[in-house]
């Protein structure tokens, strides 16, 4: 049984962004609970940070597709 490099790249590469999004969400919720007046600013910053973390997962997807289809 051989290990597909593209599957390995997706498996390992998706762990980091998933953890980052969880940490960002938890920190934003704590910040909003402590300071409800700044919830809008915190939410905007959280969405931008999640987008950057999600971009890493998209890069991993591109690398996995390259590994899969380029000989």
PDB file of N, CA and C in Angstrom:
ATOM      1  N   UNK A   1       0.840  -1.176   0.000  1.00  0.00           N
ATOM      2  CA  UNK A   1       0.000   0.000   0.000  1.00  0.00           C
ATOM      3  C   UNK A   1       0.888   1.244   0.000  1.00  0.00           C
ATOM      4  N   UNK A   2       0.651   2.136  -0.955  1.00  0.00           N
ATOM      5  CA  UNK A   2       1.464   3.335  -1.056  1.00  0.00           C
ATOM      6  C   UNK A   2       0.694   4.533  -0.516  1.00  0.00           C
ATOM      7  N   UNK A   3       1.425   5.466   0.003  1.00  0.00           N
ATOM      8  CA  UNK A   3       0.842   6.690   0.527  1.00  0.00           C
ATOM      9  C   UNK A   3       0.844   7.748  -0.564  1.00  0.00           C
ATOM     10  N   UNK A   4      -0.324   8.271  -0.869  1.00  0.00           N
ATOM     11  CA  UNK A   4      -0.447   9.297  -1.889  1.00  0.00           C
ATOM     12  C   UNK A   4       0.086  10.622  -1.341  1.00  0.00           C
ATOM     13  N   UNK A   5       1.078  11.232  -1.999  1.00  0.00           N
ATOM     14  CA  UNK A   5       1.651  12.472  -1.467  1.00  0.00           C
ATOM     15  C   UNK A   5       0.657  13.621  -1.391  1.00  0.00           C
ATOM     16  N   UNK A   6      -0.294  13.654  -2.320  1.00  0.00           N
ATOM     17  CA  UNK A   6      -1.270  14.749  -2.280  1.00  0.00           C
ATOM     18  C   UNK A   6      -2.203  14.592  -1.074  1.00  0.00           C
ATOM     19  N   UNK A   7      -2.588  13.368  -0.762  1.00  0.00           N
ATOM     20  CA  UNK A   7      -3.432  13.144   0.415  1.00  0.00           C
ATOM     21  C   UNK A   7      -2.676  13.480   1.696  1.00  0.00           C
ATOM     22  N   UNK A   8      -1.405  13.139   1.729  1.00  0.00           N
ATOM     23  CA  UNK A   8      -0.585  13.461   2.893  1.00  0.00           C
ATOM     24  C   UNK A   8      -0.440  14.972   3.063  1.00  0.00           C
ATOM     25  N   UNK A   9      -0.253  15.681   1.948  1.00  0.00           N
ATOM     26  CA  UNK A   9      -0.124  17.144   2.004  1.00  0.00           C
ATOM     27  C   UNK A   9      -1.397  17.789   2.532  1.00  0.00           C
ATOM     28  N   UNK A  10      -2.542  17.328   2.063  1.00  0.00           N
ATOM     29  CA  UNK A  10      -3.816  17.871   2.546  1.00  0.00           C
ATOM     30  C   UNK A  10      -4.020  17.535   4.025  1.00  0.00           C
ATOM     31  N   UNK A  11      -3.705  16.324   4.415  1.00  0.00           N
ATOM     32  CA  UNK A  11      -3.915  15.909   5.802  1.00  0.00           C
ATOM     33  C   UNK A  11      -3.059  16.729   6.768  1.00  0.00           C
ATOM     34  N   UNK A  12      -1.798  16.869   6.446  1.00  0.00           N
ATOM     35  CA  UNK A  12      -0.894  17.610   7.330  1.00  0.00           C
ATOM     36  C   UNK A  12      -1.116  19.124   7.198  1.00  0.00           C
ATOM     37  N   UNK A  13      -1.330  19.571   5.981  1.00  0.00           N
ATOM     38  CA  UNK A  13      -1.465  21.006   5.743  1.00  0.00           C
ATOM     39  C   UNK A  13      -2.756  21.615   6.231  1.00  0.00           C
ATOM     40  N   UNK A  14      -3.765  20.818   6.475  1.00  0.00           N
ATOM     41  CA  UNK A  14      -5.030  21.368   6.957  1.00  0.00           C
ATOM     42  C   UNK A  14      -5.102  21.446   8.478  1.00  0.00           C
ATOM     43  N   UNK A  15      -4.166  20.819   9.152  1.00  0.00           N
ATOM     44  CA  UNK A  15      -4.176  20.849  10.620  1.00  0.00           C
ATOM     45  C   UNK A  15      -3.879  22.259  11.140  1.00  0.00           C
ATOM     46  N   UNK A  16      -2.874  22.902  10.578  1.00  0.00           N
ATOM     47  CA  UNK A  16      -2.488  24.245  11.027  1.00  0.00           C
ATOM     48  C   UNK A  16      -3.593  25.276  10.878  1.00  0.00           C
ATOM     49  N   UNK A  17      -4.170  25.432   9.682  1.00  0.00           N
ATOM     50  CA  UNK A  17      -5.265  26.395   9.542  1.00  0.00           C
ATOM     51  C   UNK A  17      -6.479  26.081  10.404  1.00  0.00           C
ATOM     52  N   UNK A  18      -6.776  24.796  10.590  1.00  0.00           N
ATOM     53  CA  UNK A  18      -7.920  24.442  11.427  1.00  0.00           C
ATOM     54  C   UNK A  18      -7.683  24.871  12.877  1.00  0.00           C
ATOM     55  N   UNK A  19      -6.487  24.612  13.383  1.00  0.00           N
ATOM     56  CA  UNK A  19      -6.158  25.050  14.743  1.00  0.00           C
ATOM     57  C   UNK A  19      -6.154  26.573  14.847  1.00  0.00           C
ATOM     58  N   UNK A  20      -5.607  27.232  13.828  1.00  0.00           N
ATOM     59  CA  UNK A  20      -5.549  28.702  13.850  1.00  0.00           C
ATOM     60  C   UNK A  20      -6.941  29.309  13.868  1.00  0.00           C
ATOM     61  N   UNK A  21      -7.847  28.789  13.061  1.00  0.00           N
ATOM     62  CA  UNK A  21      -9.209  29.325  13.025  1.00  0.00           C
ATOM     63  C   UNK A  21      -9.901  29.101  14.371  1.00  0.00           C
ATOM     64  N   UNK A  22      -9.688  27.963  14.987  1.00  0.00           N
ATOM     65  CA  UNK A  22     -10.270  27.715  16.299  1.00  0.00           C
ATOM     66  C   UNK A  22      -9.737  28.662  17.359  1.00  0.00           C
ATOM     67  N   UNK A  23      -8.445  28.886  17.339  1.00  0.00           N
ATOM     68  CA  UNK A  23      -7.831  29.797  18.320  1.00  0.00           C
ATOM     69  C   UNK A  23      -8.304  31.230  18.085  1.00  0.00           C
ATOM     70  N   UNK A  24      -8.373  31.646  16.824  1.00  0.00           N
ATOM     71  CA  UNK A  24      -8.830  33.001  16.494  1.00  0.00           C
ATOM     72  C   UNK A  24     -10.269  33.202  16.958  1.00  0.00           C
ATOM     73  N   UNK A  25     -11.120  32.219  16.683  1.00  0.00           N
ATOM     74  CA  UNK A  25     -12.519  32.332  17.095  1.00  0.00           C
ATOM     75  C   UNK A  25     -12.678  32.397  18.603  1.00  0.00           C
ATOM     76  N   UNK A  26     -11.939  31.558  19.310  1.00  0.00           N
ATOM     77  CA  UNK A  26     -12.031  31.553  20.775  1.00  0.00           C
ATOM     78  C   UNK A  26     -11.527  32.872  21.367  1.00  0.00           C
ATOM     79  N   UNK A  27     -10.420  33.369  20.830  1.00  0.00           N
ATOM     80  CA  UNK A  27      -9.880  34.632  21.339  1.00  0.00           C
ATOM     81  C   UNK A  27     -10.827  35.794  21.052  1.00  0.00           C
ATOM     82  N   UNK A  28     -11.447  35.790  19.875  1.00  0.00           N
ATOM     83  CA  UNK A  28     -12.386  36.864  19.546  1.00  0.00           C
ATOM     84  C   UNK A  28     -13.617  36.819  20.444  1.00  0.00           C
ATOM     85  N   UNK A  29     -14.118  35.616  20.715  1.00  0.00           N
ATOM     86  CA  UNK A  29     -15.277  35.520  21.604  1.00  0.00           C
ATOM     87  C   UNK A  29     -14.950  35.987  23.015  1.00  0.00           C
ATOM     88  N   UNK A  30     -13.765  35.640  23.496  1.00  0.00           N
ATOM     89  CA  UNK A  30     -13.355  36.125  24.810  1.00  0.00           C
ATOM     90  C   UNK A  30     -13.213  37.645  24.825  1.00  0.00           C
ATOM     91  N   UNK A  31     -12.644  38.196  23.764  1.00  0.00           N
ATOM     92  CA  UNK A  31     -12.482  39.651  23.691  1.00  0.00           C
ATOM     93  C   UNK A  31     -13.830  40.355  23.630  1.00  0.00           C
ATOM     94  N   UNK A  32     -14.772  39.782  22.879  1.00  0.00           N
ATOM     95  CA  UNK A  32     -16.109  40.392  22.800  1.00  0.00           C
ATOM     96  C   UNK A  32     -16.845  40.289  24.136  1.00  0.00           C
ATOM     97  N   UNK A  33     -16.621  39.204  24.855  1.00  0.00           N
ATOM     98  CA  UNK A  33     -17.271  39.055  26.153  1.00  0.00           C
ATOM     99  C   UNK A  33     -16.721  40.048  27.168  1.00  0.00           C
ATOM    100  N   UNK A  34     -15.421  40.340  27.065  1.00  0.00           N
ATOM    101  CA  UNK A  34     -14.800  41.282  28.007  1.00  0.00           C
ATOM    102  C   UNK A  34     -15.100  42.735  27.662  1.00  0.00           C
ATOM    103  N   UNK A  35     -15.267  43.019  26.371  1.00  0.00           N
ATOM    104  CA  UNK A  35     -15.477  44.393  25.945  1.00  0.00           C
ATOM    105  C   UNK A  35     -16.534  44.436  24.841  1.00  0.00           C
ATOM    106  N   UNK A  36     -17.798  44.378  25.212  1.00  0.00           N
ATOM    107  CA  UNK A  36     -18.863  44.325  24.210  1.00  0.00           C
ATOM    108  C   UNK A  36     -18.968  45.588  23.348  1.00  0.00           C
ATOM    109  N   UNK A  37     -18.453  46.703  23.840  1.00  0.00           N
ATOM    110  CA  UNK A  37     -18.539  47.948  23.068  1.00  0.00           C
ATOM    111  C   UNK A  37     -17.703  47.898  21.789  1.00  0.00           C
ATOM    112  N   UNK A  38     -16.643  47.123  21.785  1.00  0.00           N
ATOM    113  CA  UNK A  38     -15.766  47.019  20.620  1.00  0.00           C
ATOM    114  C   UNK A  38     -16.020  45.758  19.801  1.00  0.00           C
ATOM    115  N   UNK A  39     -17.186  45.193  19.924  1.00  0.00           N
ATOM    116  CA  UNK A  39     -17.476  43.927  19.245  1.00  0.00           C
ATOM    117  C   UNK A  39     -17.351  44.030  17.730  1.00  0.00           C
ATOM    118  N   UNK A  40     -17.776  45.157  17.165  1.00  0.00           N
ATOM    119  CA  UNK A  40     -17.712  45.304  15.706  1.00  0.00           C
ATOM    120  C   UNK A  40     -16.271  45.308  15.213  1.00  0.00           C
ATOM    121  N   UNK A  41     -15.401  46.044  15.897  1.00  0.00           N
ATOM    122  CA  UNK A  41     -13.990  46.088  15.499  1.00  0.00           C
ATOM    123  C   UNK A  41     -13.323  44.722  15.669  1.00  0.00           C
ATOM    124  N   UNK A  42     -13.658  44.046  16.753  1.00  0.00           N
ATOM    125  CA  UNK A  42     -13.082  42.722  17.013  1.00  0.00           C
ATOM    126  C   UNK A  42     -13.551  41.732  15.956  1.00  0.00           C
ATOM    127  N   UNK A  43     -14.830  41.817  15.585  1.00  0.00           N
ATOM    128  CA  UNK A  43     -15.365  40.893  14.590  1.00  0.00           C
ATOM    129  C   UNK A  43     -14.719  41.103  13.227  1.00  0.00           C
ATOM    130  N   UNK A  44     -14.483  42.347  12.831  1.00  0.00           N
ATOM    131  CA  UNK A  44     -13.814  42.630  11.556  1.00  0.00           C
ATOM    132  C   UNK A  44     -12.391  42.071  11.572  1.00  0.00           C
ATOM    133  N   UNK A  45     -11.682  42.299  12.657  1.00  0.00           N
ATOM    134  CA  UNK A  45     -10.317  41.779  12.760  1.00  0.00           C
ATOM    135  C   UNK A  45     -10.312  40.253  12.749  1.00  0.00           C
ATOM    136  N   UNK A  46     -11.305  39.642  13.389  1.00  0.00           N
ATOM    137  CA  UNK A  46     -11.394  38.180  13.411  1.00  0.00           C
ATOM    138  C   UNK A  46     -11.633  37.632  12.007  1.00  0.00           C
ATOM    139  N   UNK A  47     -12.512  38.233  11.243  1.00  0.00           N
ATOM    140  CA  UNK A  47     -12.806  37.755   9.898  1.00  0.00           C
ATOM    141  C   UNK A  47     -11.587  37.886   8.995  1.00  0.00           C
ATOM    142  N   UNK A  48     -10.838  38.978   9.118  1.00  0.00           N
ATOM    143  CA  UNK A  48      -9.619  39.158   8.323  1.00  0.00           C
ATOM    144  C   UNK A  48      -8.583  38.101   8.706  1.00  0.00           C
ATOM    145  N   UNK A  49      -8.419  37.854   9.994  1.00  0.00           N
ATOM    146  CA  UNK A  49      -7.449  36.847  10.439  1.00  0.00           C
ATOM    147  C   UNK A  49      -7.845  35.445   9.986  1.00  0.00           C
ATOM    148  N   UNK A  50      -9.126  35.141  10.016  1.00  0.00           N
ATOM    149  CA  UNK A  50      -9.587  33.836   9.539  1.00  0.00           C
ATOM    150  C   UNK A  50      -9.351  33.705   8.041  1.00  0.00           C
ATOM    151  N   UNK A  51      -9.530  34.779   7.296  1.00  0.00           N
ATOM    152  CA  UNK A  51      -9.273  34.728   5.853  1.00  0.00           C
ATOM    153  C   UNK A  51      -7.805  34.439   5.570  1.00  0.00           C
ATOM    154  N   UNK A  52      -6.905  35.052   6.336  1.00  0.00           N
ATOM    155  CA  UNK A  52      -5.475  34.774   6.158  1.00  0.00           C
ATOM    156  C   UNK A  52      -5.151  33.319   6.510  1.00  0.00           C
ATOM    157  N   UNK A  53      -5.752  32.800   7.562  1.00  0.00           N
ATOM    158  CA  UNK A  53      -5.514  31.405   7.934  1.00  0.00           C
ATOM    159  C   UNK A  53      -6.076  30.460   6.876  1.00  0.00           C
ATOM    160  N   UNK A  54      -7.214  30.813   6.314  1.00  0.00           N
ATOM    161  CA  UNK A  54      -7.820  29.984   5.277  1.00  0.00           C
ATOM    162  C   UNK A  54      -7.002  30.013   3.989  1.00  0.00           C
ATOM    163  N   UNK A  55      -6.291  31.111   3.749  1.00  0.00           N
ATOM    164  CA  UNK A  55      -5.436  31.199   2.561  1.00  0.00           C
ATOM    165  C   UNK A  55      -4.328  30.157   2.612  1.00  0.00           C
ATOM    166  N   UNK A  56      -3.835  29.856   3.797  1.00  0.00           N
ATOM    167  CA  UNK A  56      -2.815  28.814   3.941  1.00  0.00           C
ATOM    168  C   UNK A  56      -3.380  27.470   3.478  1.00  0.00           C
ATOM    169  N   UNK A  57      -4.629  27.186   3.843  1.00  0.00           N
ATOM    170  CA  UNK A  57      -5.248  25.933   3.422  1.00  0.00           C
ATOM    171  C   UNK A  57      -5.418  25.893   1.902  1.00  0.00           C
ATOM    172  N   UNK A  58      -5.705  27.017   1.290  1.00  0.00           N
ATOM    173  CA  UNK A  58      -5.829  27.067  -0.168  1.00  0.00           C
ATOM    174  C   UNK A  58      -4.476  26.819  -0.819  1.00  0.00           C
ATOM    175  N   UNK A  59      -3.409  27.352  -0.249  1.00  0.00           N
ATOM    176  CA  UNK A  59      -2.070  27.078  -0.780  1.00  0.00           C
ATOM    177  C   UNK A  59      -1.754  25.579  -0.699  1.00  0.00           C
ATOM    178  N   UNK A  60      -2.139  24.962   0.395  1.00  0.00           N
ATOM    179  CA  UNK A  60      -1.913  23.520   0.555  1.00  0.00           C
ATOM    180  C   UNK A  60      -2.716  22.744  -0.493  1.00  0.00           C
ATOM    181  N   UNK A  61      -3.927  23.182  -0.761  1.00  0.00           N
ATOM    182  CA  UNK A  61      -4.739  22.534  -1.788  1.00  0.00           C
ATOM    183  C   UNK A  61      -4.075  22.633  -3.158  1.00  0.00           C
ATOM    184  N   UNK A  62      -3.530  23.795  -3.482  1.00  0.00           N
ATOM    185  CA  UNK A  62      -2.840  23.972  -4.758  1.00  0.00           C
ATOM    186  C   UNK A  62      -1.624  23.051  -4.847  1.00  0.00           C
ATOM    187  N   UNK A  63      -0.868  22.967  -3.773  1.00  0.00           N
ATOM    188  CA  UNK A  63       0.302  22.084  -3.759  1.00  0.00           C
ATOM    189  C   UNK A  63      -0.128  20.630  -3.909  1.00  0.00           C
ATOM    190  N   UNK A  64      -1.217  20.245  -3.241  1.00  0.00           N
ATOM    191  CA  UNK A  64      -1.702  18.869  -3.366  1.00  0.00           C
ATOM    192  C   UNK A  64      -2.145  18.568  -4.790  1.00  0.00           C
ATOM    193  N   UNK A  65      -2.787  19.526  -5.437  1.00  0.00           N
ATOM    194  CA  UNK A  65      -3.204  19.312  -6.830  1.00  0.00           C
ATOM    195  C   UNK A  65      -1.996  19.217  -7.750  1.00  0.00           C
ATOM    196  N   UNK A  66      -0.974  20.009  -7.495  1.00  0.00           N
ATOM    197  CA  UNK A  66       0.253  19.910  -8.285  1.00  0.00           C
ATOM    198  C   UNK A  66       0.884  18.532  -8.104  1.00  0.00           C
ATOM    199  N   UNK A  67       0.955  18.075  -6.850  1.00  0.00           N
ATOM    200  CA  UNK A  67       1.511  16.745  -6.581  1.00  0.00           C
ATOM    201  C   UNK A  67       0.688  15.637  -7.255  1.00  0.00           C
ATOM    202  N   UNK A  68      -0.603  15.837  -7.337  1.00  0.00           N
ATOM    203  CA  UNK A  68      -1.479  14.812  -7.889  1.00  0.00           C
ATOM    204  C   UNK A  68      -1.391  14.730  -9.415  1.00  0.00           C
ATOM    205  N   UNK A  69      -1.331  15.885 -10.075  1.00  0.00           N
ATOM    206  CA  UNK A  69      -1.484  15.882 -11.530  1.00  0.00           C
ATOM    207  C   UNK A  69      -0.213  16.188 -12.323  1.00  0.00           C
ATOM    208  N   UNK A  70       0.843  16.655 -11.691  1.00  0.00           N
ATOM    209  CA  UNK A  70       2.084  16.926 -12.412  1.00  0.00           C
ATOM    210  C   UNK A  70       3.034  15.753 -12.157  1.00  0.00           C
ATOM    211  N   UNK A  71       3.478  15.117 -13.236  1.00  0.00           N
ATOM    212  CA  UNK A  71       4.333  13.932 -13.039  1.00  0.00           C
ATOM    213  C   UNK A  71       5.717  14.257 -12.525  1.00  0.00           C
TER     214      UNK A  71
END
